[in-house]
N, C-alpha and C. Protein backbone atom coordinates (compact mmCIF):
# COMPACT_ATOMS: atom_id res chain seq x y z
N UNK A 1 104.33 123.24 125.43
CA UNK A 1 105.48 122.42 125.73
C UNK A 1 105.98 121.71 124.47
N UNK A 2 105.04 121.17 123.68
CA UNK A 2 105.43 120.48 122.46
C UNK A 2 106.22 121.41 121.54
N UNK A 3 105.72 122.63 121.41
CA UNK A 3 106.38 123.59 120.53
C UNK A 3 107.80 123.90 121.01
N UNK A 4 107.99 124.01 122.32
CA UNK A 4 109.31 124.28 122.89
C UNK A 4 110.27 123.13 122.61
N UNK A 5 109.79 121.89 122.80
CA UNK A 5 110.64 120.73 122.53
C UNK A 5 110.98 120.62 121.04
N UNK A 6 109.99 120.86 120.20
CA UNK A 6 110.22 120.84 118.75
C UNK A 6 111.27 121.88 118.39
N UNK A 7 111.13 123.08 118.93
CA UNK A 7 112.10 124.16 118.66
C UNK A 7 113.50 123.74 119.09
N UNK A 8 113.61 123.08 120.25
CA UNK A 8 114.91 122.63 120.74
C UNK A 8 115.55 121.66 119.76
N UNK A 9 114.79 120.66 119.32
CA UNK A 9 115.32 119.68 118.38
C UNK A 9 115.71 120.32 117.05
N UNK A 10 114.86 121.18 116.55
CA UNK A 10 115.15 121.84 115.27
C UNK A 10 116.41 122.69 115.40
N UNK A 11 116.54 123.40 116.50
CA UNK A 11 117.71 124.26 116.72
C UNK A 11 118.99 123.43 116.87
N UNK A 12 118.92 122.37 117.66
CA UNK A 12 120.14 121.60 117.96
C UNK A 12 120.52 120.59 116.88
N UNK A 13 119.56 120.15 116.09
CA UNK A 13 119.88 119.20 115.02
C UNK A 13 119.96 119.88 113.65
N UNK A 14 119.38 121.05 113.54
CA UNK A 14 119.40 121.78 112.27
C UNK A 14 120.83 122.06 111.83
N UNK A 15 121.11 121.80 110.57
CA UNK A 15 122.46 121.99 110.05
C UNK A 15 123.36 120.79 110.27
N UNK A 16 123.02 119.94 111.23
CA UNK A 16 123.81 118.74 111.52
C UNK A 16 123.17 117.49 110.94
N UNK A 17 121.88 117.56 110.70
CA UNK A 17 121.13 116.41 110.18
C UNK A 17 120.15 116.91 109.12
N UNK A 18 119.80 116.03 108.21
CA UNK A 18 118.82 116.38 107.19
C UNK A 18 117.48 116.69 107.85
N UNK A 19 116.72 117.58 107.24
CA UNK A 19 115.41 117.95 107.77
C UNK A 19 114.53 116.71 107.98
N UNK A 20 114.59 115.79 107.02
CA UNK A 20 113.76 114.58 107.10
C UNK A 20 114.16 113.72 108.29
N UNK A 21 115.45 113.65 108.58
CA UNK A 21 115.92 112.87 109.73
C UNK A 21 115.45 113.52 111.04
N UNK A 22 115.44 114.83 111.08
CA UNK A 22 114.98 115.54 112.27
C UNK A 22 113.52 115.20 112.57
N UNK A 23 112.66 115.26 111.56
CA UNK A 23 111.24 114.96 111.82
C UNK A 23 111.02 113.48 112.11
N UNK A 24 111.85 112.62 111.53
CA UNK A 24 111.77 111.19 111.82
C UNK A 24 112.10 110.94 113.29
N UNK A 25 113.17 111.55 113.77
CA UNK A 25 113.58 111.38 115.17
C UNK A 25 112.52 111.95 116.11
N UNK A 26 112.04 113.16 115.81
CA UNK A 26 111.02 113.76 116.66
C UNK A 26 109.78 112.87 116.73
N UNK A 27 109.40 112.27 115.61
CA UNK A 27 108.20 111.42 115.56
C UNK A 27 108.35 110.14 116.37
N UNK A 28 109.58 109.72 116.63
CA UNK A 28 109.82 108.50 117.41
C UNK A 28 109.82 108.76 118.92
N UNK A 29 109.94 110.00 119.33
CA UNK A 29 110.10 110.33 120.74
C UNK A 29 108.74 110.38 121.44
N UNK A 30 108.63 109.68 122.60
CA UNK A 30 107.38 109.77 123.36
C UNK A 30 107.09 111.24 123.70
N UNK A 31 105.87 111.57 123.85
CA UNK A 31 105.35 112.90 124.12
C UNK A 31 105.25 113.70 122.82
N UNK A 32 106.32 113.79 122.04
CA UNK A 32 106.29 114.56 120.80
C UNK A 32 105.57 113.78 119.70
N UNK A 33 106.06 112.60 119.42
CA UNK A 33 105.47 111.69 118.44
C UNK A 33 105.16 112.39 117.12
N UNK A 34 104.16 111.91 116.42
CA UNK A 34 103.77 112.44 115.11
C UNK A 34 103.37 113.91 115.21
N UNK A 35 102.71 114.28 116.30
CA UNK A 35 102.29 115.68 116.47
C UNK A 35 103.49 116.62 116.37
N UNK A 36 104.54 116.28 117.08
CA UNK A 36 105.74 117.12 117.05
C UNK A 36 106.45 117.06 115.72
N UNK A 37 106.46 115.87 115.10
CA UNK A 37 107.12 115.71 113.80
C UNK A 37 106.46 116.56 112.73
N UNK A 38 105.14 116.52 112.66
CA UNK A 38 104.43 117.31 111.64
C UNK A 38 104.53 118.80 111.94
N UNK A 39 104.47 119.14 113.22
CA UNK A 39 104.65 120.55 113.59
C UNK A 39 106.03 121.04 113.15
N UNK A 40 107.06 120.24 113.41
CA UNK A 40 108.42 120.61 113.01
C UNK A 40 108.56 120.69 111.48
N UNK A 41 107.85 119.83 110.77
CA UNK A 41 107.93 119.80 109.31
C UNK A 41 107.22 120.98 108.67
N UNK A 42 106.28 121.57 109.39
CA UNK A 42 105.45 122.64 108.83
C UNK A 42 106.19 123.92 108.52
N UNK A 43 105.48 124.88 107.93
CA UNK A 43 106.08 126.15 107.50
C UNK A 43 106.71 126.97 108.63
N UNK A 44 106.26 126.79 109.85
CA UNK A 44 106.81 127.56 110.97
C UNK A 44 108.22 127.13 111.34
N UNK A 45 108.61 125.90 110.98
CA UNK A 45 109.93 125.40 111.38
C UNK A 45 110.78 124.99 110.17
N UNK A 46 110.58 123.78 109.66
CA UNK A 46 111.47 123.24 108.62
C UNK A 46 110.94 123.38 107.20
N UNK A 47 109.66 123.64 107.06
CA UNK A 47 109.03 123.85 105.75
C UNK A 47 109.28 122.70 104.77
N UNK A 48 109.00 121.50 105.22
CA UNK A 48 109.12 120.30 104.39
C UNK A 48 107.77 120.09 103.70
N UNK A 49 107.76 119.79 102.41
CA UNK A 49 106.48 119.58 101.72
C UNK A 49 105.67 118.46 102.40
N UNK A 50 104.37 118.66 102.45
CA UNK A 50 103.46 117.72 103.11
C UNK A 50 103.62 116.30 102.59
N UNK A 51 103.70 116.15 101.27
CA UNK A 51 103.76 114.82 100.67
C UNK A 51 105.00 114.04 101.12
N UNK A 52 106.03 114.76 101.57
CA UNK A 52 107.23 114.10 102.06
C UNK A 52 107.20 113.94 103.58
N UNK A 53 106.66 114.94 104.27
CA UNK A 53 106.70 114.96 105.73
C UNK A 53 105.79 113.91 106.38
N UNK A 54 104.57 113.81 105.90
CA UNK A 54 103.60 112.93 106.56
C UNK A 54 104.03 111.46 106.54
N UNK A 55 104.47 110.89 105.41
CA UNK A 55 104.91 109.49 105.47
C UNK A 55 106.11 109.27 106.40
N UNK A 56 107.03 110.22 106.44
CA UNK A 56 108.19 110.09 107.33
C UNK A 56 107.75 110.10 108.78
N UNK A 57 106.85 111.01 109.12
CA UNK A 57 106.35 111.10 110.50
C UNK A 57 105.53 109.86 110.89
N UNK A 58 104.72 109.36 109.95
CA UNK A 58 103.94 108.15 110.22
C UNK A 58 104.86 106.97 110.54
N UNK A 59 105.85 106.75 109.70
CA UNK A 59 106.78 105.63 109.91
C UNK A 59 107.55 105.82 111.21
N UNK A 60 108.05 107.04 111.45
CA UNK A 60 108.79 107.30 112.68
C UNK A 60 107.96 107.04 113.93
N UNK A 61 106.70 107.43 113.89
CA UNK A 61 105.82 107.24 115.04
C UNK A 61 105.44 105.78 115.24
N UNK A 62 105.32 105.03 114.16
CA UNK A 62 104.85 103.64 114.26
C UNK A 62 105.95 102.62 114.55
N UNK A 63 107.20 102.93 114.25
CA UNK A 63 108.29 101.95 114.45
C UNK A 63 108.34 101.40 115.88
N UNK A 64 108.25 102.22 116.93
CA UNK A 64 108.36 101.65 118.29
C UNK A 64 107.14 100.86 118.76
N UNK A 65 106.00 101.04 118.12
CA UNK A 65 104.74 100.51 118.64
C UNK A 65 104.69 98.99 118.76
N UNK A 66 105.09 98.22 117.73
CA UNK A 66 105.06 96.75 117.92
C UNK A 66 105.93 96.28 119.08
N UNK A 67 107.06 96.96 119.30
CA UNK A 67 107.93 96.59 120.41
C UNK A 67 107.26 96.84 121.75
N UNK A 68 106.55 97.97 121.86
CA UNK A 68 105.83 98.27 123.10
C UNK A 68 104.72 97.25 123.31
N UNK A 69 103.94 97.00 122.26
CA UNK A 69 102.81 96.06 122.38
C UNK A 69 103.27 94.66 122.77
N UNK A 70 104.37 94.21 122.21
CA UNK A 70 104.81 92.84 122.43
C UNK A 70 105.73 92.67 123.64
N UNK A 71 106.46 93.71 124.00
CA UNK A 71 107.51 93.52 125.00
C UNK A 71 107.29 94.22 126.33
N UNK A 72 106.37 95.17 126.43
CA UNK A 72 106.28 95.95 127.66
C UNK A 72 105.86 95.11 128.86
N UNK A 73 104.92 94.21 128.69
CA UNK A 73 104.49 93.37 129.82
C UNK A 73 105.61 92.44 130.28
N UNK A 74 106.30 91.73 129.36
CA UNK A 74 107.42 90.92 129.83
C UNK A 74 108.54 91.75 130.48
N UNK A 75 108.77 92.96 129.98
CA UNK A 75 109.79 93.81 130.58
C UNK A 75 109.38 94.22 131.99
N UNK A 76 108.11 94.63 132.15
CA UNK A 76 107.62 94.98 133.49
C UNK A 76 107.72 93.78 134.43
N UNK A 77 107.35 92.61 133.96
CA UNK A 77 107.42 91.40 134.80
C UNK A 77 108.86 91.12 135.19
N UNK A 78 109.77 91.26 134.25
CA UNK A 78 111.19 91.03 134.52
C UNK A 78 111.72 92.03 135.54
N UNK A 79 111.33 93.30 135.39
CA UNK A 79 111.79 94.33 136.32
C UNK A 79 111.29 94.06 137.74
N UNK A 80 110.06 93.56 137.85
CA UNK A 80 109.52 93.25 139.18
C UNK A 80 110.29 92.10 139.83
N UNK A 81 110.81 91.18 139.04
CA UNK A 81 111.51 90.01 139.58
C UNK A 81 113.00 90.27 139.81
N UNK A 82 113.54 91.25 139.14
CA UNK A 82 114.98 91.49 139.19
C UNK A 82 115.39 92.11 140.53
N UNK A 83 116.37 91.50 141.16
CA UNK A 83 116.84 91.98 142.45
C UNK A 83 117.38 93.40 142.36
N UNK A 84 117.98 93.72 141.25
CA UNK A 84 118.57 95.05 141.08
C UNK A 84 117.50 96.14 141.11
N UNK A 85 116.36 95.90 140.47
CA UNK A 85 115.33 96.94 140.35
C UNK A 85 114.27 96.88 141.44
N UNK A 86 114.01 95.71 142.00
CA UNK A 86 112.95 95.57 143.00
C UNK A 86 113.19 96.48 144.21
N UNK A 87 114.38 96.50 144.80
CA UNK A 87 114.58 97.41 145.94
C UNK A 87 114.45 98.89 145.54
N UNK A 88 114.90 99.22 144.35
CA UNK A 88 114.79 100.60 143.87
C UNK A 88 113.33 101.01 143.73
N UNK A 89 112.52 100.14 143.14
CA UNK A 89 111.10 100.42 142.97
C UNK A 89 110.43 100.57 144.33
N UNK A 90 110.75 99.68 145.27
CA UNK A 90 110.16 99.75 146.61
C UNK A 90 110.56 101.04 147.32
N UNK A 91 111.83 101.45 147.19
CA UNK A 91 112.28 102.69 147.81
C UNK A 91 111.58 103.89 147.18
N UNK A 92 111.46 103.88 145.88
CA UNK A 92 110.81 105.00 145.19
C UNK A 92 109.34 105.11 145.59
N UNK A 93 108.69 103.97 145.82
CA UNK A 93 107.29 104.00 146.23
C UNK A 93 107.12 104.64 147.60
N UNK A 94 108.15 104.55 148.45
CA UNK A 94 108.08 105.11 149.79
C UNK A 94 108.38 106.61 149.82
N UNK A 95 109.11 107.10 148.83
CA UNK A 95 109.44 108.52 148.77
C UNK A 95 108.22 109.26 148.25
N UNK A 96 107.74 110.22 149.04
CA UNK A 96 106.47 110.87 148.75
C UNK A 96 106.40 111.45 147.33
N UNK A 97 107.43 112.19 146.91
CA UNK A 97 107.35 112.83 145.59
C UNK A 97 107.34 111.79 144.47
N UNK A 98 108.09 110.70 144.62
CA UNK A 98 108.10 109.66 143.59
C UNK A 98 106.82 108.84 143.62
N UNK A 99 106.30 108.60 144.84
CA UNK A 99 105.06 107.85 144.95
C UNK A 99 103.95 108.59 144.21
N UNK A 100 103.90 109.90 144.41
CA UNK A 100 102.92 110.72 143.70
C UNK A 100 103.13 110.69 142.20
N UNK A 101 104.39 110.72 141.78
CA UNK A 101 104.71 110.69 140.35
C UNK A 101 104.31 109.36 139.73
N UNK A 102 104.61 108.26 140.42
CA UNK A 102 104.26 106.94 139.91
C UNK A 102 102.75 106.81 139.79
N UNK A 103 102.03 107.23 140.83
CA UNK A 103 100.57 107.18 140.80
C UNK A 103 100.03 108.05 139.68
N UNK A 104 100.61 109.24 139.52
CA UNK A 104 100.17 110.16 138.47
C UNK A 104 100.39 109.55 137.08
N UNK A 105 101.55 108.93 136.87
CA UNK A 105 101.83 108.30 135.57
C UNK A 105 100.89 107.14 135.31
N UNK A 106 100.67 106.30 136.32
CA UNK A 106 99.75 105.18 136.16
C UNK A 106 98.34 105.67 135.88
N UNK A 107 97.91 106.68 136.62
CA UNK A 107 96.56 107.22 136.43
C UNK A 107 96.41 107.85 135.05
N UNK A 108 97.44 108.54 134.59
CA UNK A 108 97.37 109.16 133.28
C UNK A 108 97.28 108.08 132.19
N UNK A 109 98.10 107.06 132.31
CA UNK A 109 98.10 106.00 131.30
C UNK A 109 96.80 105.22 131.32
N UNK A 110 96.27 104.98 132.51
CA UNK A 110 95.09 104.14 132.62
C UNK A 110 93.80 104.94 132.83
N UNK A 111 93.90 106.27 132.86
CA UNK A 111 92.76 107.13 133.15
C UNK A 111 91.58 106.93 132.21
N UNK A 112 91.87 106.71 130.96
CA UNK A 112 90.78 106.52 129.98
C UNK A 112 90.66 105.06 129.57
N UNK A 113 91.23 104.20 130.35
CA UNK A 113 91.24 102.79 129.98
C UNK A 113 89.84 102.18 129.92
N UNK A 114 88.91 102.70 130.74
CA UNK A 114 87.55 102.16 130.70
C UNK A 114 86.93 102.35 129.32
N UNK A 115 87.07 103.55 128.77
CA UNK A 115 86.52 103.82 127.44
C UNK A 115 87.22 102.97 126.39
N UNK A 116 88.53 102.85 126.52
CA UNK A 116 89.28 102.04 125.56
C UNK A 116 88.84 100.59 125.67
N UNK A 117 88.71 100.10 126.90
CA UNK A 117 88.31 98.70 127.09
C UNK A 117 86.88 98.48 126.60
N UNK A 118 86.00 99.44 126.84
CA UNK A 118 84.59 99.31 126.44
C UNK A 118 84.46 99.28 124.92
N UNK A 119 85.15 100.19 124.26
CA UNK A 119 85.01 100.30 122.81
C UNK A 119 86.18 99.67 122.06
N UNK A 120 87.14 99.15 122.80
CA UNK A 120 88.35 98.51 122.33
C UNK A 120 88.92 99.16 121.08
N UNK A 121 88.63 98.65 119.89
CA UNK A 121 89.26 99.15 118.66
C UNK A 121 89.02 100.64 118.47
N UNK A 122 87.75 101.06 118.47
CA UNK A 122 87.43 102.47 118.19
C UNK A 122 87.81 103.37 119.35
N UNK A 123 87.77 102.86 120.55
CA UNK A 123 88.23 103.64 121.70
C UNK A 123 89.71 103.93 121.61
N UNK A 124 90.47 102.92 121.19
CA UNK A 124 91.91 103.09 121.02
C UNK A 124 92.21 104.02 119.84
N UNK A 125 91.44 103.90 118.76
CA UNK A 125 91.61 104.80 117.61
C UNK A 125 91.44 106.25 118.05
N UNK A 126 90.36 106.54 118.78
CA UNK A 126 90.11 107.91 119.23
C UNK A 126 91.16 108.39 120.23
N UNK A 127 91.57 107.51 121.12
CA UNK A 127 92.58 107.87 122.11
C UNK A 127 93.88 108.28 121.43
N UNK A 128 94.29 107.54 120.44
CA UNK A 128 95.53 107.82 119.72
C UNK A 128 95.34 108.96 118.73
N UNK A 129 94.17 109.01 118.09
CA UNK A 129 93.96 109.93 116.98
C UNK A 129 93.67 111.36 117.33
N UNK A 130 93.17 111.62 118.52
CA UNK A 130 92.89 113.01 118.90
C UNK A 130 94.14 113.53 119.61
N UNK A 131 94.86 114.44 118.96
CA UNK A 131 96.16 114.88 119.49
C UNK A 131 96.05 115.81 120.70
N UNK A 132 95.92 115.22 121.86
CA UNK A 132 95.88 115.94 123.12
C UNK A 132 97.06 115.51 123.98
N UNK A 133 97.46 116.32 124.95
CA UNK A 133 98.55 115.90 125.84
C UNK A 133 98.20 114.59 126.56
N UNK A 134 99.16 113.69 126.63
CA UNK A 134 98.95 112.42 127.32
C UNK A 134 98.32 111.34 126.47
N UNK A 135 98.02 111.66 125.22
CA UNK A 135 97.50 110.64 124.30
C UNK A 135 98.52 110.44 123.19
N UNK A 136 98.30 109.44 122.38
CA UNK A 136 99.21 109.18 121.27
C UNK A 136 99.50 107.70 121.15
N UNK A 137 100.35 107.38 120.21
CA UNK A 137 100.65 105.98 119.91
C UNK A 137 101.38 105.28 121.06
N UNK A 138 102.34 105.96 121.68
CA UNK A 138 103.09 105.34 122.77
C UNK A 138 102.16 105.01 123.95
N UNK A 139 101.38 105.98 124.38
CA UNK A 139 100.48 105.75 125.51
C UNK A 139 99.39 104.75 125.14
N UNK A 140 98.88 104.86 123.92
CA UNK A 140 97.88 103.91 123.45
C UNK A 140 98.40 102.48 123.45
N UNK A 141 99.63 102.30 123.02
CA UNK A 141 100.24 100.97 123.01
C UNK A 141 100.44 100.45 124.43
N UNK A 142 100.86 101.33 125.33
CA UNK A 142 101.05 100.94 126.72
C UNK A 142 99.73 100.52 127.35
N UNK A 143 98.70 101.33 127.17
CA UNK A 143 97.39 101.00 127.74
C UNK A 143 96.84 99.71 127.13
N UNK A 144 96.94 99.58 125.80
CA UNK A 144 96.44 98.37 125.14
C UNK A 144 97.16 97.13 125.66
N UNK A 145 98.45 97.24 125.84
CA UNK A 145 99.22 96.11 126.34
C UNK A 145 98.82 95.76 127.77
N UNK A 146 98.69 96.78 128.62
CA UNK A 146 98.32 96.54 130.01
C UNK A 146 96.90 96.01 130.15
N UNK A 147 96.03 96.38 129.21
CA UNK A 147 94.65 95.86 129.22
C UNK A 147 94.54 94.48 128.59
N UNK A 148 95.61 94.01 127.99
CA UNK A 148 95.61 92.69 127.37
C UNK A 148 94.88 92.63 126.04
N UNK A 149 94.77 93.76 125.35
CA UNK A 149 94.14 93.77 124.03
C UNK A 149 95.07 93.07 123.06
N UNK A 150 94.53 92.23 122.20
CA UNK A 150 95.32 91.50 121.21
C UNK A 150 96.20 92.48 120.46
N UNK A 151 97.48 92.17 120.33
CA UNK A 151 98.44 93.12 119.76
C UNK A 151 98.13 93.46 118.30
N UNK A 152 97.57 92.53 117.55
CA UNK A 152 97.24 92.82 116.14
C UNK A 152 96.10 93.82 116.05
N UNK A 153 95.08 93.61 116.88
CA UNK A 153 93.95 94.54 116.92
C UNK A 153 94.42 95.91 117.41
N UNK A 154 95.25 95.91 118.45
CA UNK A 154 95.76 97.16 119.00
C UNK A 154 96.62 97.90 117.98
N UNK A 155 97.49 97.17 117.29
CA UNK A 155 98.36 97.81 116.29
C UNK A 155 97.52 98.42 115.17
N UNK A 156 96.50 97.69 114.71
CA UNK A 156 95.62 98.23 113.67
C UNK A 156 94.92 99.50 114.12
N UNK A 157 94.42 99.50 115.35
CA UNK A 157 93.75 100.68 115.89
C UNK A 157 94.72 101.85 116.02
N UNK A 158 95.93 101.55 116.44
CA UNK A 158 96.94 102.61 116.60
C UNK A 158 97.33 103.18 115.24
N UNK A 159 97.45 102.34 114.22
CA UNK A 159 97.76 102.83 112.87
C UNK A 159 96.65 103.76 112.39
N UNK A 160 95.39 103.36 112.57
CA UNK A 160 94.26 104.21 112.16
C UNK A 160 94.28 105.51 112.96
N UNK A 161 94.54 105.42 114.26
CA UNK A 161 94.60 106.61 115.11
C UNK A 161 95.72 107.56 114.71
N UNK A 162 96.88 107.01 114.38
CA UNK A 162 98.01 107.85 113.96
C UNK A 162 97.69 108.52 112.63
N UNK A 163 97.03 107.81 111.72
CA UNK A 163 96.61 108.43 110.45
C UNK A 163 95.62 109.57 110.70
N UNK A 164 94.70 109.34 111.63
CA UNK A 164 93.73 110.38 111.99
C UNK A 164 94.45 111.59 112.58
N UNK A 165 95.40 111.35 113.47
CA UNK A 165 96.17 112.44 114.07
C UNK A 165 96.98 113.19 113.01
N UNK A 166 97.46 112.47 112.00
CA UNK A 166 98.24 113.15 110.95
C UNK A 166 97.37 114.12 110.16
N UNK A 167 96.12 113.77 109.93
CA UNK A 167 95.20 114.68 109.22
C UNK A 167 94.95 115.93 110.07
N UNK A 168 94.68 115.71 111.36
CA UNK A 168 94.43 116.84 112.26
C UNK A 168 95.67 117.74 112.35
N UNK A 169 96.83 117.12 112.50
CA UNK A 169 98.06 117.91 112.63
C UNK A 169 98.44 118.58 111.31
N UNK A 170 98.12 117.96 110.19
CA UNK A 170 98.35 118.62 108.90
C UNK A 170 97.54 119.92 108.84
N UNK A 171 96.28 119.83 109.22
CA UNK A 171 95.42 121.02 109.18
C UNK A 171 95.98 122.11 110.11
N UNK A 172 96.37 121.72 111.33
CA UNK A 172 96.90 122.70 112.27
C UNK A 172 98.24 123.27 111.82
N UNK A 173 99.15 122.41 111.39
CA UNK A 173 100.52 122.84 111.08
C UNK A 173 100.64 123.52 109.73
N UNK A 174 100.03 122.97 108.71
CA UNK A 174 100.21 123.49 107.36
C UNK A 174 99.14 124.49 106.96
N UNK A 175 97.90 124.28 107.39
CA UNK A 175 96.82 125.18 106.96
C UNK A 175 96.72 126.37 107.93
N UNK A 176 96.56 126.09 109.23
CA UNK A 176 96.37 127.19 110.19
C UNK A 176 97.68 127.94 110.42
N UNK A 177 98.70 127.24 110.95
CA UNK A 177 99.97 127.90 111.24
C UNK A 177 100.67 128.32 109.96
N UNK A 178 100.57 127.48 108.91
CA UNK A 178 101.15 127.84 107.63
C UNK A 178 100.50 129.09 107.03
N UNK A 179 99.20 129.27 107.28
CA UNK A 179 98.52 130.48 106.83
C UNK A 179 99.02 131.73 107.54
N UNK A 180 99.43 131.54 108.79
CA UNK A 180 99.96 132.67 109.57
C UNK A 180 101.40 132.99 109.16
N UNK A 181 102.24 131.94 109.05
CA UNK A 181 103.67 132.14 108.75
C UNK A 181 103.99 132.09 107.25
N UNK A 182 103.05 131.55 106.46
CA UNK A 182 103.31 131.31 105.05
C UNK A 182 103.19 132.53 104.22
């Protein structure tokens, strides 16, 4: 799925935006994040040199994180109190397909929260740093915020995790896939 989304962005933005802007945008998008940015930067897609791609992807992936850590709980609280959204949320909870989706999203976000809470800093580092579906900086920030982990500690762990993910994705995108397409 990641590869398909990356291909879509590269195809639709290619020629209209600089290669560096494309990987920056991809790195900011939930689900794709740094994994998608480095994949897009690699030899199979945009062929951006590593020394230029990795810092751009790191910055793109990290820009939204402080906002999520600091603002997601107040936004959720506001949404629960707002007359406009409260009836919508209640109606969606009653609709079977949405109820299942909401539960699935909550379970996915909080599924590994015990390990993160138990090991806090290092649990969050591993959660963010191992590039698997449903993990990453966005989900890590959401879980950390919902668990009430201090935002400074959470941000530090997420930065370390994103750096770890960049090393793993460099190896996959530039060494493995680059060896095939290069």
